[in-house]
Amino acid sequence: MSHPRDHKIAKLLKNCICEFFHNQASHFKIVVDSVIMIDRKNAQILYRLDHQTIESESTISDAHGRIMAELPKARKFIADQLNLKAIPNLSFSILLQDD
């Protein structure tokens, strides 16, 4: 069973990451499904791309690469917004859905 602190940090991170991609990196159209604290130092962000963005496998990998390129800016935004002792390592994982 996870610690209540992990749930609280995950919720704060999810809100902050959503705000970052909505305001700061507006050229990305992603939906953050959940943030899971693997341990105190690592967080996994599960996200989906907008349906208009998904065209082919190369488009998906290109979009993921651009999101990973924004990671330092996202970490700085999180540090500025949240009062955490340390920012967890962020691991982005894309969720693919069969429609």
PDB file of N, CA and C in Angstrom:
ATOM      1  N   MET A   1       0.842  -1.179   0.000  1.00  0.00           N
ATOM      2  CA  MET A   1       0.000   0.000   0.000  1.00  0.00           C
ATOM      3  C   MET A   1       0.886   1.241   0.000  1.00  0.00           C
ATOM      4  N   SER A   2       0.570   2.202  -0.850  1.00  0.00           N
ATOM      5  CA  SER A   2       1.383   3.402  -0.928  1.00  0.00           C
ATOM      6  C   SER A   2       1.084   4.364   0.214  1.00  0.00           C
ATOM      7  N   HIS A   3       2.047   5.173   0.427  1.00  0.00           N
ATOM      8  CA  HIS A   3       1.963   6.159   1.501  1.00  0.00           C
ATOM      9  C   HIS A   3       1.048   7.308   1.063  1.00  0.00           C
ATOM     10  N   PRO A   4       0.255   7.873   1.973  1.00  0.00           N
ATOM     11  CA  PRO A   4      -0.619   9.010   1.613  1.00  0.00           C
ATOM     12  C   PRO A   4       0.154  10.202   1.045  1.00  0.00           C
ATOM     13  N   ARG A   5       1.399  10.364   1.484  1.00  0.00           N
ATOM     14  CA  ARG A   5       2.240  11.440   0.963  1.00  0.00           C
ATOM     15  C   ARG A   5       2.455  11.269  -0.544  1.00  0.00           C
ATOM     16  N   ASP A   6       2.637  10.019  -0.988  1.00  0.00           N
ATOM     17  CA  ASP A   6       2.844   9.758  -2.412  1.00  0.00           C
ATOM     18  C   ASP A   6       1.627  10.164  -3.232  1.00  0.00           C
ATOM     19  N   HIS A   7       0.441   9.902  -2.715  1.00  0.00           N
ATOM     20  CA  HIS A   7      -0.785  10.294  -3.417  1.00  0.00           C
ATOM     21  C   HIS A   7      -0.891  11.816  -3.507  1.00  0.00           C
ATOM     22  N   LYS A   8      -0.518  12.492  -2.435  1.00  0.00           N
ATOM     23  CA  LYS A   8      -0.588  13.953  -2.408  1.00  0.00           C
ATOM     24  C   LYS A   8       0.401  14.555  -3.404  1.00  0.00           C
ATOM     25  N   ILE A   9       1.625  14.054  -3.410  1.00  0.00           N
ATOM     26  CA  ILE A   9       2.638  14.558  -4.339  1.00  0.00           C
ATOM     27  C   ILE A   9       2.238  14.256  -5.778  1.00  0.00           C
ATOM     28  N   ALA A  10       1.697  13.068  -6.027  1.00  0.00           N
ATOM     29  CA  ALA A  10       1.264  12.706  -7.378  1.00  0.00           C
ATOM     30  C   ALA A  10       0.164  13.642  -7.867  1.00  0.00           C
ATOM     31  N   LYS A  11      -0.762  13.977  -6.996  1.00  0.00           N
ATOM     32  CA  LYS A  11      -1.852  14.885  -7.370  1.00  0.00           C
ATOM     33  C   LYS A  11      -1.311  16.281  -7.679  1.00  0.00           C
ATOM     34  N   LEU A  12      -0.389  16.776  -6.852  1.00  0.00           N
ATOM     35  CA  LEU A  12       0.221  18.079  -7.101  1.00  0.00           C
ATOM     36  C   LEU A  12       0.993  18.088  -8.419  1.00  0.00           C
ATOM     37  N   LEU A  13       1.751  17.012  -8.661  1.00  0.00           N
ATOM     38  CA  LEU A  13       2.515  16.913  -9.905  1.00  0.00           C
ATOM     39  C   LEU A  13       1.599  16.875 -11.119  1.00  0.00           C
ATOM     40  N   LYS A  14       0.510  16.121 -11.031  1.00  0.00           N
ATOM     41  CA  LYS A  14      -0.417  16.025 -12.161  1.00  0.00           C
ATOM     42  C   LYS A  14      -0.989  17.395 -12.496  1.00  0.00           C
ATOM     43  N   ASN A  15      -1.439  18.129 -11.487  1.00  0.00           N
ATOM     44  CA  ASN A  15      -1.995  19.462 -11.722  1.00  0.00           C
ATOM     45  C   ASN A  15      -0.959  20.402 -12.332  1.00  0.00           C
ATOM     46  N   CYS A  16       0.257  20.333 -11.832  1.00  0.00           N
ATOM     47  CA  CYS A  16       1.315  21.215 -12.307  1.00  0.00           C
ATOM     48  C   CYS A  16       1.733  20.855 -13.739  1.00  0.00           C
ATOM     49  N   ILE A  17       1.844  19.575 -14.045  1.00  0.00           N
ATOM     50  CA  ILE A  17       2.225  19.145 -15.391  1.00  0.00           C
ATOM     51  C   ILE A  17       1.136  19.502 -16.398  1.00  0.00           C
ATOM     52  N   CYS A  18      -0.117  19.314 -16.009  1.00  0.00           N
ATOM     53  CA  CYS A  18      -1.229  19.700 -16.892  1.00  0.00           C
ATOM     54  C   CYS A  18      -1.182  21.192 -17.187  1.00  0.00           C
ATOM     55  N   GLU A  19      -0.934  21.986 -16.155  1.00  0.00           N
ATOM     56  CA  GLU A  19      -0.849  23.434 -16.338  1.00  0.00           C
ATOM     57  C   GLU A  19       0.322  23.800 -17.242  1.00  0.00           C
ATOM     58  N   PHE A  20       1.457  23.136 -17.068  1.00  0.00           N
ATOM     59  CA  PHE A  20       2.626  23.418 -17.901  1.00  0.00           C
ATOM     60  C   PHE A  20       2.326  23.156 -19.365  1.00  0.00           C
ATOM     61  N   PHE A  21       1.776  21.991 -19.674  1.00  0.00           N
ATOM     62  CA  PHE A  21       1.528  21.663 -21.075  1.00  0.00           C
ATOM     63  C   PHE A  21       0.363  22.456 -21.655  1.00  0.00           C
ATOM     64  N   HIS A  22      -0.511  22.965 -20.817  1.00  0.00           N
ATOM     65  CA  HIS A  22      -1.610  23.794 -21.316  1.00  0.00           C
ATOM     66  C   HIS A  22      -1.152  25.228 -21.580  1.00  0.00           C
ATOM     67  N   ASN A  23      -0.327  25.770 -20.695  1.00  0.00           N
ATOM     68  CA  ASN A  23       0.076  27.178 -20.805  1.00  0.00           C
ATOM     69  C   ASN A  23       1.440  27.371 -21.451  1.00  0.00           C
ATOM     70  N   GLN A  24       2.448  26.702 -20.942  1.00  0.00           N
ATOM     71  CA  GLN A  24       3.821  26.947 -21.376  1.00  0.00           C
ATOM     72  C   GLN A  24       4.156  26.270 -22.698  1.00  0.00           C
ATOM     73  N   ALA A  25       3.729  25.038 -22.851  1.00  0.00           N
ATOM     74  CA  ALA A  25       4.035  24.264 -24.063  1.00  0.00           C
ATOM     75  C   ALA A  25       2.732  23.999 -24.802  1.00  0.00           C
ATOM     76  N   SER A  26       2.085  25.070 -25.237  1.00  0.00           N
ATOM     77  CA  SER A  26       0.742  24.947 -25.803  1.00  0.00           C
ATOM     78  C   SER A  26       0.721  24.248 -27.158  1.00  0.00           C
ATOM     79  N   HIS A  27       1.889  24.051 -27.800  1.00  0.00           N
ATOM     80  CA  HIS A  27       1.897  23.357 -29.082  1.00  0.00           C
ATOM     81  C   HIS A  27       1.722  21.846 -28.912  1.00  0.00           C
ATOM     82  N   PHE A  28       1.747  21.369 -27.672  1.00  0.00           N
ATOM     83  CA  PHE A  28       1.474  19.961 -27.402  1.00  0.00           C
ATOM     84  C   PHE A  28       0.022  19.802 -26.991  1.00  0.00           C
ATOM     85  N   LYS A  29      -0.645  18.852 -27.570  1.00  0.00           N
ATOM     86  CA  LYS A  29      -2.018  18.556 -27.169  1.00  0.00           C
ATOM     87  C   LYS A  29      -2.004  17.166 -26.550  1.00  0.00           C
ATOM     88  N   ILE A  30      -1.755  17.143 -25.240  1.00  0.00           N
ATOM     89  CA  ILE A  30      -1.725  15.871 -24.529  1.00  0.00           C
ATOM     90  C   ILE A  30      -2.720  15.916 -23.380  1.00  0.00           C
ATOM     91  N   VAL A  31      -3.122  14.729 -22.958  1.00  0.00           N
ATOM     92  CA  VAL A  31      -4.000  14.570 -21.802  1.00  0.00           C
ATOM     93  C   VAL A  31      -3.251  13.703 -20.800  1.00  0.00           C
ATOM     94  N   VAL A  32      -2.996  14.243 -19.627  1.00  0.00           N
ATOM     95  CA  VAL A  32      -2.318  13.478 -18.580  1.00  0.00           C
ATOM     96  C   VAL A  32      -3.368  12.637 -17.869  1.00  0.00           C
ATOM     97  N   ASP A  33      -3.254  11.314 -18.002  1.00  0.00           N
ATOM     98  CA  ASP A  33      -4.213  10.412 -17.367  1.00  0.00           C
ATOM     99  C   ASP A  33      -3.930  10.241 -15.885  1.00  0.00           C
ATOM    100  N   SER A  34      -2.674   9.985 -15.558  1.00  0.00           N
ATOM    101  CA  SER A  34      -2.352   9.798 -14.146  1.00  0.00           C
ATOM    102  C   SER A  34      -0.861   9.998 -13.911  1.00  0.00           C
ATOM    103  N   VAL A  35      -0.550  10.262 -12.664  1.00  0.00           N
ATOM    104  CA  VAL A  35       0.835  10.342 -12.204  1.00  0.00           C
ATOM    105  C   VAL A  35       0.961   9.344 -11.069  1.00  0.00           C
ATOM    106  N   ILE A  36       1.938   8.464 -11.191  1.00  0.00           N
ATOM    107  CA  ILE A  36       2.152   7.414 -10.198  1.00  0.00           C
ATOM    108  C   ILE A  36       3.539   7.608  -9.591  1.00  0.00           C
ATOM    109  N   MET A  37       3.569   7.720  -8.285  1.00  0.00           N
ATOM    110  CA  MET A  37       4.853   7.798  -7.593  1.00  0.00           C
ATOM    111  C   MET A  37       5.376   6.379  -7.420  1.00  0.00           C
ATOM    112  N   ILE A  38       6.438   6.047  -8.137  1.00  0.00           N
ATOM    113  CA  ILE A  38       7.034   4.716  -8.042  1.00  0.00           C
ATOM    114  C   ILE A  38       7.720   4.567  -6.687  1.00  0.00           C
ATOM    115  N   ASP A  39       8.461   5.588  -6.309  1.00  0.00           N
ATOM    116  CA  ASP A  39       9.037   5.700  -4.971  1.00  0.00           C
ATOM    117  C   ASP A  39       9.185   7.191  -4.687  1.00  0.00           C
ATOM    118  N   ARG A  40       9.902   7.547  -3.661  1.00  0.00           N
ATOM    119  CA  ARG A  40       9.990   8.967  -3.287  1.00  0.00           C
ATOM    120  C   ARG A  40      10.724   9.803  -4.324  1.00  0.00           C
ATOM    121  N   LYS A  41      11.552   9.169  -5.151  1.00  0.00           N
ATOM    122  CA  LYS A  41      12.387   9.911  -6.092  1.00  0.00           C
ATOM    123  C   LYS A  41      11.951   9.790  -7.544  1.00  0.00           C
ATOM    124  N   ASN A  42      10.971   8.958  -7.851  1.00  0.00           N
ATOM    125  CA  ASN A  42      10.595   8.700  -9.237  1.00  0.00           C
ATOM    126  C   ASN A  42       9.087   8.763  -9.424  1.00  0.00           C
ATOM    127  N   ALA A  43       8.679   9.477 -10.466  1.00  0.00           N
ATOM    128  CA  ALA A  43       7.260   9.581 -10.806  1.00  0.00           C
ATOM    129  C   ALA A  43       7.072   9.169 -12.261  1.00  0.00           C
ATOM    130  N   GLN A  44       6.023   8.414 -12.511  1.00  0.00           N
ATOM    131  CA  GLN A  44       5.695   8.005 -13.872  1.00  0.00           C
ATOM    132  C   GLN A  44       4.437   8.753 -14.304  1.00  0.00           C
ATOM    133  N   ILE A  45       4.533   9.455 -15.435  1.00  0.00           N
ATOM    134  CA  ILE A  45       3.412  10.220 -15.965  1.00  0.00           C
ATOM    135  C   ILE A  45       2.847   9.457 -17.154  1.00  0.00           C
ATOM    136  N   LEU A  46       1.585   9.070 -17.063  1.00  0.00           N
ATOM    137  CA  LEU A  46       0.905   8.375 -18.148  1.00  0.00           C
ATOM    138  C   LEU A  46       0.059   9.393 -18.894  1.00  0.00           C
ATOM    139  N   TYR A  47       0.283   9.504 -20.207  1.00  0.00           N
ATOM    140  CA  TYR A  47      -0.426  10.509 -20.990  1.00  0.00           C
ATOM    141  C   TYR A  47      -0.908   9.931 -22.315  1.00  0.00           C
ATOM    142  N   ARG A  48      -1.870  10.630 -22.911  1.00  0.00           N
ATOM    143  CA  ARG A  48      -2.388  10.294 -24.237  1.00  0.00           C
ATOM    144  C   ARG A  48      -2.217  11.506 -25.139  1.00  0.00           C
ATOM    145  N   LEU A  49      -1.999  11.249 -26.417  1.00  0.00           N
ATOM    146  CA  LEU A  49      -1.949  12.323 -27.399  1.00  0.00           C
ATOM    147  C   LEU A  49      -3.349  12.611 -27.910  1.00  0.00           C
ATOM    148  N   ASP A  50      -3.544  13.830 -28.379  1.00  0.00           N
ATOM    149  CA  ASP A  50      -4.809  14.205 -28.992  1.00  0.00           C
ATOM    150  C   ASP A  50      -5.024  13.358 -30.254  1.00  0.00           C
ATOM    151  N   HIS A  51      -6.272  13.044 -30.578  1.00  0.00           N
ATOM    152  CA  HIS A  51      -6.566  12.170 -31.717  1.00  0.00           C
ATOM    153  C   HIS A  51      -6.103  12.769 -33.042  1.00  0.00           C
ATOM    154  N   GLN A  52      -6.099  14.095 -33.188  1.00  0.00           N
ATOM    155  CA  GLN A  52      -5.635  14.707 -34.427  1.00  0.00           C
ATOM    156  C   GLN A  52      -4.118  14.602 -34.575  1.00  0.00           C
ATOM    157  N   THR A  53      -3.420  14.429 -33.475  1.00  0.00           N
ATOM    158  CA  THR A  53      -1.963  14.338 -33.509  1.00  0.00           C
ATOM    159  C   THR A  53      -1.500  12.976 -34.006  1.00  0.00           C
ATOM    160  N   ILE A  54      -2.262  11.943 -33.700  1.00  0.00           N
ATOM    161  CA  ILE A  54      -1.857  10.576 -34.030  1.00  0.00           C
ATOM    162  C   ILE A  54      -2.152  10.298 -35.499  1.00  0.00           C
ATOM    163  N   GLU A  55      -1.097  10.150 -36.286  1.00  0.00           N
ATOM    164  CA  GLU A  55      -1.243   9.804 -37.690  1.00  0.00           C
ATOM    165  C   GLU A  55      -0.517   8.507 -38.008  1.00  0.00           C
ATOM    166  N   SER A  56       0.684   8.377 -37.479  1.00  0.00           N
ATOM    167  CA  SER A  56       1.478   7.177 -37.739  1.00  0.00           C
ATOM    168  C   SER A  56       2.402   6.934 -36.546  1.00  0.00           C
ATOM    169  N   GLU A  57       3.102   5.830 -36.626  1.00  0.00           N
ATOM    170  CA  GLU A  57       4.035   5.490 -35.543  1.00  0.00           C
ATOM    171  C   GLU A  57       5.150   6.527 -35.438  1.00  0.00           C
ATOM    172  N   SER A  58       5.607   7.037 -36.573  1.00  0.00           N
ATOM    173  CA  SER A  58       6.673   8.044 -36.544  1.00  0.00           C
ATOM    174  C   SER A  58       6.180   9.355 -35.923  1.00  0.00           C
ATOM    175  N   THR A  59       4.917   9.703 -36.146  1.00  0.00           N
ATOM    176  CA  THR A  59       4.347  10.905 -35.540  1.00  0.00           C
ATOM    177  C   THR A  59       4.297  10.766 -34.027  1.00  0.00           C
ATOM    178  N   ILE A  60       3.926   9.578 -33.563  1.00  0.00           N
ATOM    179  CA  ILE A  60       3.853   9.329 -32.123  1.00  0.00           C
ATOM    180  C   ILE A  60       5.236   9.426 -31.493  1.00  0.00           C
ATOM    181  N   SER A  61       6.234   8.790 -32.114  1.00  0.00           N
ATOM    182  CA  SER A  61       7.585   8.829 -31.546  1.00  0.00           C
ATOM    183  C   SER A  61       8.168  10.240 -31.620  1.00  0.00           C
ATOM    184  N   ASP A  62       7.834  10.992 -32.677  1.00  0.00           N
ATOM    185  CA  ASP A  62       8.295  12.376 -32.787  1.00  0.00           C
ATOM    186  C   ASP A  62       7.675  13.239 -31.686  1.00  0.00           C
ATOM    187  N   ALA A  63       6.379  13.063 -31.449  1.00  0.00           N
ATOM    188  CA  ALA A  63       5.701  13.826 -30.393  1.00  0.00           C
ATOM    189  C   ALA A  63       6.284  13.485 -29.023  1.00  0.00           C
ATOM    190  N   HIS A  64       6.559  12.202 -28.785  1.00  0.00           N
ATOM    191  CA  HIS A  64       7.145  11.798 -27.501  1.00  0.00           C
ATOM    192  C   HIS A  64       8.543  12.413 -27.345  1.00  0.00           C
ATOM    193  N   GLY A  65       9.307  12.437 -28.425  1.00  0.00           N
ATOM    194  CA  GLY A  65      10.631  13.052 -28.377  1.00  0.00           C
ATOM    195  C   GLY A  65      10.574  14.534 -28.059  1.00  0.00           C
ATOM    196  N   ARG A  66       9.581  15.242 -28.631  1.00  0.00           N
ATOM    197  CA  ARG A  66       9.429  16.671 -28.339  1.00  0.00           C
ATOM    198  C   ARG A  66       9.009  16.889 -26.891  1.00  0.00           C
ATOM    199  N   ILE A  67       8.181  15.994 -26.372  1.00  0.00           N
ATOM    200  CA  ILE A  67       7.780  16.105 -24.962  1.00  0.00           C
ATOM    201  C   ILE A  67       8.989  15.884 -24.059  1.00  0.00           C
ATOM    202  N   MET A  68       9.812  14.904 -24.389  1.00  0.00           N
ATOM    203  CA  MET A  68      11.010  14.652 -23.590  1.00  0.00           C
ATOM    204  C   MET A  68      11.990  15.824 -23.681  1.00  0.00           C
ATOM    205  N   ALA A  69      12.014  16.526 -24.818  1.00  0.00           N
ATOM    206  CA  ALA A  69      12.876  17.696 -24.958  1.00  0.00           C
ATOM    207  C   ALA A  69      12.407  18.837 -24.053  1.00  0.00           C
ATOM    208  N   GLU A  70      11.121  18.877 -23.733  1.00  0.00           N
ATOM    209  CA  GLU A  70      10.563  19.905 -22.850  1.00  0.00           C
ATOM    210  C   GLU A  70      10.732  19.554 -21.367  1.00  0.00           C
ATOM    211  N   LEU A  71      11.282  18.391 -21.069  1.00  0.00           N
ATOM    212  CA  LEU A  71      11.402  17.925 -19.688  1.00  0.00           C
ATOM    213  C   LEU A  71      12.158  18.900 -18.777  1.00  0.00           C
ATOM    214  N   PRO A  72      13.298  19.464 -19.193  1.00  0.00           N
ATOM    215  CA  PRO A  72      13.967  20.428 -18.295  1.00  0.00           C
ATOM    216  C   PRO A  72      13.101  21.648 -17.973  1.00  0.00           C
ATOM    217  N   LYS A  73      12.359  22.145 -18.967  1.00  0.00           N
ATOM    218  CA  LYS A  73      11.469  23.285 -18.718  1.00  0.00           C
ATOM    219  C   LYS A  73      10.340  22.884 -17.776  1.00  0.00           C
ATOM    220  N   ALA A  74       9.833  21.664 -17.940  1.00  0.00           N
ATOM    221  CA  ALA A  74       8.761  21.182 -17.060  1.00  0.00           C
ATOM    222  C   ALA A  74       9.273  21.053 -15.625  1.00  0.00           C
ATOM    223  N   ARG A  75      10.482  20.533 -15.452  1.00  0.00           N
ATOM    224  CA  ARG A  75      11.051  20.400 -14.106  1.00  0.00           C
ATOM    225  C   ARG A  75      11.242  21.774 -13.458  1.00  0.00           C
ATOM    226  N   LYS A  76      11.692  22.760 -14.244  1.00  0.00           N
ATOM    227  CA  LYS A  76      11.859  24.113 -13.708  1.00  0.00           C
ATOM    228  C   LYS A  76      10.504  24.705 -13.330  1.00  0.00           C
ATOM    229  N   PHE A  77       9.489  24.492 -14.158  1.00  0.00           N
ATOM    230  CA  PHE A  77       8.148  24.990 -13.864  1.00  0.00           C
ATOM    231  C   PHE A  77       7.622  24.364 -12.578  1.00  0.00           C
ATOM    232  N   ILE A  78       7.831  23.061 -12.414  1.00  0.00           N
ATOM    233  CA  ILE A  78       7.393  22.367 -11.197  1.00  0.00           C
ATOM    234  C   ILE A  78       8.118  22.928  -9.978  1.00  0.00           C
ATOM    235  N   ALA A  79       9.427  23.153 -10.113  1.00  0.00           N
ATOM    236  CA  ALA A  79      10.199  23.701  -8.991  1.00  0.00           C
ATOM    237  C   ALA A  79       9.710  25.094  -8.610  1.00  0.00           C
ATOM    238  N   ASP A  80       9.341  25.895  -9.611  1.00  0.00           N
ATOM    239  CA  ASP A  80       8.847  27.245  -9.332  1.00  0.00           C
ATOM    240  C   ASP A  80       7.463  27.227  -8.695  1.00  0.00           C
ATOM    241  N   GLN A  81       6.621  26.277  -9.088  1.00  0.00           N
ATOM    242  CA  GLN A  81       5.229  26.249  -8.637  1.00  0.00           C
ATOM    243  C   GLN A  81       5.033  25.525  -7.306  1.00  0.00           C
ATOM    244  N   LEU A  82       5.765  24.443  -7.112  1.00  0.00           N
ATOM    245  CA  LEU A  82       5.559  23.606  -5.926  1.00  0.00           C
ATOM    246  C   LEU A  82       6.692  23.804  -4.930  1.00  0.00           C
ATOM    247  N   ASN A  83       6.380  23.695  -3.679  1.00  0.00           N
ATOM    248  CA  ASN A  83       7.367  23.837  -2.618  1.00  0.00           C
ATOM    249  C   ASN A  83       7.768  22.443  -2.134  1.00  0.00           C
ATOM    250  N   LEU A  84       8.512  21.734  -2.986  1.00  0.00           N
ATOM    251  CA  LEU A  84       8.969  20.389  -2.636  1.00  0.00           C
ATOM    252  C   LEU A  84      10.451  20.438  -2.286  1.00  0.00           C
ATOM    253  N   LYS A  85      10.877  19.546  -1.412  1.00  0.00           N
ATOM    254  CA  LYS A  85      12.295  19.483  -1.064  1.00  0.00           C
ATOM    255  C   LYS A  85      13.126  19.061  -2.267  1.00  0.00           C
ATOM    256  N   ALA A  86      12.586  18.142  -3.061  1.00  0.00           N
ATOM    257  CA  ALA A  86      13.273  17.666  -4.259  1.00  0.00           C
ATOM    258  C   ALA A  86      12.225  17.335  -5.316  1.00  0.00           C
ATOM    259  N   ILE A  87      12.566  17.601  -6.558  1.00  0.00           N
ATOM    260  CA  ILE A  87      11.669  17.272  -7.665  1.00  0.00           C
ATOM    261  C   ILE A  87      11.968  15.835  -8.078  1.00  0.00           C
ATOM    262  N   PRO A  88      10.952  14.975  -8.128  1.00  0.00           N
ATOM    263  CA  PRO A  88      11.198  13.589  -8.525  1.00  0.00           C
ATOM    264  C   PRO A  88      11.623  13.492  -9.990  1.00  0.00           C
ATOM    265  N   ASN A  89      12.325  12.426 -10.313  1.00  0.00           N
ATOM    266  CA  ASN A  89      12.632  12.136 -11.710  1.00  0.00           C
ATOM    267  C   ASN A  89      11.322  11.825 -12.413  1.00  0.00           C
ATOM    268  N   LEU A  90      11.104  12.447 -13.570  1.00  0.00           N
ATOM    269  CA  LEU A  90       9.856  12.277 -14.299  1.00  0.00           C
ATOM    270  C   LEU A  90      10.072  11.333 -15.470  1.00  0.00           C
ATOM    271  N   SER A  91       9.210  10.346 -15.559  1.00  0.00           N
ATOM    272  CA  SER A  91       9.257   9.379 -16.652  1.00  0.00           C
ATOM    273  C   SER A  91       7.921   9.430 -17.377  1.00  0.00           C
ATOM    274  N   PHE A  92       7.936   9.874 -18.635  1.00  0.00           N
ATOM    275  CA  PHE A  92       6.707   9.988 -19.417  1.00  0.00           C
ATOM    276  C   PHE A  92       6.469   8.701 -20.188  1.00  0.00           C
ATOM    277  N   SER A  93       5.258   8.178 -20.095  1.00  0.00           N
ATOM    278  CA  SER A  93       4.865   6.971 -20.827  1.00  0.00           C
ATOM    279  C   SER A  93       3.564   7.260 -21.557  1.00  0.00           C
ATOM    280  N   ILE A  94       3.553   6.938 -22.838  1.00  0.00           N
ATOM    281  CA  ILE A  94       2.365   7.211 -23.644  1.00  0.00           C
ATOM    282  C   ILE A  94       1.396   6.037 -23.549  1.00  0.00           C
ATOM    283  N   LEU A  95       0.124   6.363 -23.503  1.00  0.00           N
ATOM    284  CA  LEU A  95      -0.927   5.350 -23.520  1.00  0.00           C
ATOM    285  C   LEU A  95      -1.538   5.339 -24.913  1.00  0.00           C
ATOM    286  N   LEU A  96      -1.607   4.176 -25.515  1.00  0.00           N
ATOM    287  CA  LEU A  96      -2.224   4.042 -26.831  1.00  0.00           C
ATOM    288  C   LEU A  96      -3.555   3.354 -26.667  1.00  0.00           C
ATOM    289  N   GLN A  97      -4.562   3.877 -27.355  1.00  0.00           N
ATOM    290  CA  GLN A  97      -5.898   3.299 -27.273  1.00  0.00           C
ATOM    291  C   GLN A  97      -6.308   2.807 -28.646  1.00  0.00           C
ATOM    292  N   ASP A  98      -6.980   1.680 -28.678  1.00  0.00           N
ATOM    293  CA  ASP A  98      -7.564   1.183 -29.915  1.00  0.00           C
ATOM    294  C   ASP A  98      -8.991   1.665 -29.983  1.00  0.00           C
ATOM    295  N   ASP A  99      -9.278   2.528 -30.957  1.00  0.00           N
ATOM    296  CA  ASP A  99     -10.638   3.058 -31.100  1.00  0.00           C
ATOM    297  C   ASP A  99     -11.404   2.275 -32.135  1.00  0.00           C
TER     298      ASP A  99
END
